[in-house]
Protein backbone atom coordinates (compact mmCIF):
# COMPACT_ATOMS: atom_id res chain seq x y z
CA MET A 1 32.38 -34.81 4.41
CA VAL A 2 30.80 -31.54 3.95
CA ILE A 3 27.42 -31.06 6.23
CA HIS A 4 25.66 -27.91 4.62
CA THR A 5 23.35 -25.86 6.57
CA PRO A 6 19.84 -25.18 5.31
CA GLN A 7 19.63 -21.51 4.14
CA ILE A 8 17.01 -19.35 6.02
CA ALA A 9 15.77 -16.49 4.34
CA PRO A 10 15.87 -13.28 6.29
CA PRO A 11 12.89 -12.01 8.04
CA ILE A 12 10.73 -9.85 5.54
CA ALA A 13 8.15 -6.79 6.12
CA VAL A 14 5.89 -6.05 2.98
CA PHE A 15 4.30 -2.31 3.22
CA ASP A 16 1.48 -1.00 1.46
CA LEU A 17 2.41 2.22 -0.15
CA ASP A 18 -1.15 4.59 -0.51
CA GLY A 19 -2.24 5.43 3.40
CA THR A 20 0.61 3.25 4.54
CA LEU A 21 4.10 4.54 4.09
CA ALA A 22 2.97 7.91 2.74
CA ASP A 23 -0.17 10.11 2.70
CA THR A 24 -0.88 10.68 -1.01
CA ALA A 25 -4.73 11.65 -0.54
CA GLY A 26 -3.78 15.25 -1.63
CA ASP A 27 -2.56 14.20 -4.87
CA LEU A 28 -4.91 11.44 -5.54
CA VAL A 29 -7.85 13.57 -4.91
CA GLY A 30 -6.36 16.74 -7.23
CA THR A 31 -6.24 14.48 -9.74
CA LEU A 32 -9.43 13.39 -9.19
CA ASN A 33 -10.59 16.72 -9.12
CA VAL A 34 -9.24 17.71 -12.36
CA ILE A 35 -10.97 14.60 -13.93
CA LEU A 36 -14.73 16.04 -11.96
CA ALA A 37 -13.87 19.47 -12.89
CA GLN A 38 -13.72 18.68 -16.45
CA GLU A 39 -17.13 16.84 -16.55
CA GLY A 40 -18.41 19.71 -14.95
CA LEU A 41 -18.85 18.69 -11.52
CA ALA A 42 -17.84 20.01 -8.21
CA PRO A 43 -14.48 19.17 -6.47
CA LEU A 44 -14.69 16.73 -3.33
CA PRO A 45 -12.68 17.81 -0.31
CA VAL A 46 -9.95 15.94 0.52
CA ALA A 47 -11.26 15.30 3.81
CA LYS A 48 -14.12 13.62 2.32
CA ALA A 49 -13.06 11.62 -0.50
CA ARG A 50 -9.97 10.13 2.15
CA ASP A 51 -11.83 6.85 2.19
CA MET A 52 -12.64 6.36 -1.41
CA ILE A 53 -9.10 5.84 -2.03
CA GLY A 54 -7.69 1.79 -1.28
CA ALA A 55 -9.27 0.31 -4.23
CA GLY A 56 -7.05 1.72 -7.06
CA ALA A 57 -7.80 4.63 -9.76
CA ARG A 58 -11.04 3.05 -11.17
CA ALA A 59 -12.58 2.97 -8.10
CA LEU A 60 -11.82 6.15 -7.26
CA ILE A 61 -13.36 7.46 -10.29
CA GLU A 62 -16.31 5.44 -9.76
CA ARG A 63 -16.92 6.60 -6.03
CA GLY A 64 -16.19 10.32 -7.11
CA PHE A 65 -19.09 10.02 -9.90
CA GLU A 66 -21.11 7.89 -7.26
CA ALA A 67 -21.10 10.76 -4.59
CA ALA A 68 -21.82 13.99 -7.28
CA GLY A 69 -24.65 11.67 -8.26
CA LYS A 70 -23.73 11.03 -12.16
CA GLU A 71 -23.48 8.09 -13.94
CA LEU A 72 -20.49 6.56 -15.68
CA THR A 73 -20.49 4.19 -18.36
CA PRO A 74 -17.62 1.43 -18.78
CA SER A 75 -16.43 3.43 -21.71
CA HIS A 76 -16.34 6.87 -20.44
CA LEU A 77 -14.43 5.66 -17.62
CA ASP A 78 -11.70 3.74 -19.44
CA THR A 79 -11.01 7.24 -20.98
CA LEU A 80 -11.32 9.07 -17.86
CA PHE A 81 -9.26 6.17 -15.96
CA MET A 82 -6.20 7.04 -18.94
CA GLN A 83 -6.73 10.70 -17.84
CA PHE A 84 -6.39 10.15 -14.41
CA MET A 85 -3.13 8.46 -14.70
CA VAL A 86 -1.23 10.65 -17.13
CA HIS A 87 -2.44 13.71 -14.69
CA TYR A 88 -1.48 11.70 -11.55
CA GLY A 89 2.03 10.56 -12.92
CA GLU A 90 2.82 14.06 -13.93
CA ASN A 91 1.49 15.43 -10.28
CA ILE A 92 2.31 12.35 -7.91
CA ARG A 93 4.29 14.65 -5.21
CA VAL A 94 2.50 17.90 -4.71
CA ARG A 95 1.12 17.60 -1.52
CA THR A 96 2.62 13.51 -0.72
CA GLU A 97 4.69 13.26 2.56
CA LEU A 98 5.83 10.30 3.92
CA PHE A 99 3.80 9.53 7.42
CA PRO A 100 5.78 10.69 10.92
CA GLY A 101 8.08 7.97 11.69
CA VAL A 102 8.79 5.61 8.61
CA THR A 103 12.22 6.28 7.97
CA ALA A 104 13.14 5.70 11.58
CA ALA A 105 11.15 2.35 11.13
CA LEU A 106 12.45 1.47 8.19
CA ASP A 107 16.18 2.16 9.51
CA ARG A 108 15.51 -0.04 12.74
CA LEU A 109 14.28 -2.91 10.28
CA GLU A 110 17.14 -2.82 8.21
CA ALA A 111 19.32 -3.16 11.36
CA ALA A 112 17.86 -5.88 12.96
CA GLY A 113 18.14 -7.47 9.61
CA PHE A 114 14.91 -7.55 7.70
CA ILE A 115 14.01 -7.28 3.68
CA LEU A 116 11.92 -4.64 2.89
CA ALA A 117 9.40 -4.57 0.15
CA VAL A 118 6.23 -2.83 -1.09
CA CYS A 119 2.74 -4.41 -2.01
CA THR A 120 0.71 -1.75 -3.29
CA ASN A 121 -2.23 -1.66 -6.12
CA LYS A 122 -0.84 1.67 -7.50
CA VAL A 123 0.62 0.94 -10.82
CA GLU A 124 4.26 -0.18 -10.62
CA GLU A 125 5.46 2.71 -12.72
CA HIS A 126 3.66 5.20 -10.13
CA SER A 127 4.68 3.48 -7.25
CA ILE A 128 8.78 3.14 -8.07
CA LYS A 129 8.60 6.77 -9.20
CA LEU A 130 7.05 8.06 -6.06
CA LEU A 131 9.01 6.11 -3.62
CA ASP A 132 12.14 7.20 -5.12
CA GLU A 133 10.85 10.99 -5.20
CA LEU A 134 10.71 10.43 -1.52
CA GLY A 135 13.98 9.32 -0.81
CA ILE A 136 13.04 5.89 -0.01
CA GLY A 137 12.86 3.73 -3.24
CA HIS A 138 16.09 2.46 -2.96
CA ARG A 139 15.62 0.56 0.19
CA PHE A 140 12.87 -1.70 -1.13
CA ALA A 141 13.91 -5.18 -2.66
CA ALA A 142 10.90 -5.25 -4.51
CA ASN A 143 8.46 -3.01 -5.21
CA CYS A 144 5.31 -4.86 -6.62
CA GLY A 145 2.15 -2.80 -8.13
CA ARG A 146 -1.25 -3.24 -9.38
CA ASP A 147 0.23 -4.89 -12.96
CA THR A 148 3.31 -6.83 -11.94
CA PHE A 149 1.75 -9.71 -11.49
CA PRO A 150 -1.54 -11.58 -13.06
CA TYR A 151 -2.59 -10.86 -9.32
CA PHE A 152 -3.86 -7.80 -6.89
CA LYS A 153 -4.63 -6.87 -3.81
CA PRO A 154 -7.12 -8.86 -2.00
CA ASP A 155 -5.60 -12.04 -4.39
CA PRO A 156 -3.06 -13.47 -1.72
CA ARG A 157 -0.39 -14.22 -4.65
CA HIS A 158 0.15 -10.31 -5.16
CA LEU A 159 1.70 -10.52 -1.73
CA THR A 160 3.20 -14.09 -1.64
CA LEU A 161 4.84 -12.96 -5.23
CA THR A 162 6.13 -10.06 -4.14
CA ILE A 163 7.66 -11.80 -1.13
CA GLU A 164 9.23 -14.17 -3.34
CA ARG A 165 10.65 -11.49 -5.86
CA ALA A 166 12.36 -9.63 -2.79
CA GLY A 167 13.95 -12.78 -1.78
CA GLY A 168 12.05 -13.71 1.45
CA ASP A 169 10.02 -16.46 2.83
CA PRO A 170 6.47 -16.24 3.80
CA SER A 171 7.11 -18.03 6.67
CA ARG A 172 9.11 -15.35 7.92
CA ALA A 173 6.71 -12.24 6.85
CA ILE A 174 4.77 -9.62 8.14
CA MET A 175 2.42 -7.46 6.31
CA VAL A 176 1.58 -3.79 6.87
CA GLY A 177 -1.11 -2.21 5.93
CA ASP A 178 -3.90 0.39 6.49
CA SER A 179 -6.87 -1.17 4.85
CA ARG A 180 -9.24 -3.96 4.12
CA THR A 181 -7.61 -5.12 1.54
CA ASP A 182 -4.08 -5.01 3.03
CA ILE A 183 -5.79 -6.88 6.07
CA VAL A 184 -7.65 -9.69 3.94
CA THR A 185 -4.82 -10.21 1.38
CA ALA A 186 -2.35 -10.89 4.47
CA GLN A 187 -5.08 -13.18 6.20
CA ASN A 188 -5.70 -15.06 2.97
CA ALA A 189 -1.90 -15.74 2.69
CA GLY A 190 -1.66 -16.89 6.18
CA ILE A 191 0.67 -14.03 6.89
CA PRO A 192 0.66 -11.91 10.63
CA VAL A 193 -0.97 -8.34 9.65
CA VAL A 194 0.16 -4.89 11.67
CA ALA A 195 -2.58 -2.42 10.72
CA VAL A 196 -2.43 1.48 10.82
CA PRO A 197 -5.72 3.27 11.53
CA PHE A 198 -4.53 6.70 9.81
CA GLY A 199 -5.03 5.62 6.40
CA TYR A 200 -7.48 5.35 4.14
CA THR A 201 -10.53 2.71 5.32
CA ASP A 202 -14.38 3.11 5.05
CA VAL A 203 -14.30 1.09 8.42
CA PRO A 204 -12.34 0.99 11.65
CA VAL A 205 -8.99 -1.44 11.20
CA GLN A 206 -9.67 -2.72 14.79
CA ASP A 207 -12.88 -3.99 13.36
CA LEU A 208 -10.95 -5.85 10.64
CA LYS A 209 -8.91 -8.25 12.66
CA PRO A 210 -5.67 -7.44 12.10
CA ASP A 211 -2.79 -9.07 14.37
CA ILE A 212 -1.96 -5.70 16.20
CA VAL A 213 -2.94 -2.06 15.40
CA ILE A 214 -0.23 0.41 15.83
CA ASP A 215 -1.09 4.11 16.31
CA HIS A 216 2.36 5.54 15.11
CA PHE A 217 5.68 4.13 13.42
CA ASP A 218 7.17 4.77 16.26
CA GLU A 219 5.55 1.32 17.43
CA LEU A 220 6.10 -0.68 14.47
CA PHE A 221 9.59 -2.65 15.37
CA SER A 222 7.95 -3.76 18.56
CA ALA A 223 5.08 -4.93 16.71
CA VAL A 224 6.81 -6.96 14.42
CA GLU A 225 8.92 -8.13 16.77
CA ALA A 226 5.87 -9.61 18.89
CA LEU A 227 4.61 -10.77 15.73
CA MET A 228 8.14 -12.50 14.61
CA LYS A 229 8.74 -14.78 17.71
CA PRO A 230 5.96 -17.37 17.30
CA LEU A 231 7.00 -17.58 13.55
CA ALA A 232 10.74 -18.29 14.94
CA ALA A 233 9.48 -20.80 17.57
C-alpha cells in the first residue's frame, strides 16, 4: 500500500511595487508634470506629490488637477490617462531605483524556500517591464497588475488570485506593502502584512495597524519569520 503524503505549498511573500520594492515617484510625477504642462498648469515637486501616488494613474492625474485647482471632466480624464500611460511606459526607468536592501532580502527569502510574487495596481505590462529593467523580474513566480484579473487592490481577490497564480497557499502567505491599499487588501484576505514607512501613503503606516512595520529591508526576513511561525503551528 502506497501512502501519499499531502503536498504542502511553500511559503509565499507577495510584494507591492510602487513605494515598496522600488522608488518610482520621480518617474510617475515626471509623467504627471508632462500632462500638467500641456494643460498649462505648473509642475508639482516630487516631494509634494509623493503621497498622491498609490491608487493608480487615474487617481494621480485627478489629484494633480485638484492640487492645481482645475476641474477635470471624466472624458478629458480618459484622454489624459491614455497619454499618461504611453509617456510613462516610454520613460519607466529614468529615475526609478530599488529601495536599499531589496535584492538581499529577496535572496534570503528565496534561500529559505519562499515563492515570490508581485501584486500591484500598476498595469501588468508596466510592472513586468519595470521589474525586468531593474533586473529582478525573473525572480517572481507571478507579477499581477491592476488589469490582470477582474479585481484589483483593495479587493482581496487581487491578492489571493496572485498567490494562486504563483503556486502558493493563502494560509502560508505574507504581504509586504507601503500604503492603506496594501494593508487593507491583506487584512481583508486574512493574510499577515508587513509595512514599510518609506513609500507612498497619506497617513503613517503605523496608524493603519499592519502586523509589523520595518524601517529597512534588512529587517524583512526576521519580520516574515516571526509572522510565519503562528501559521506553521
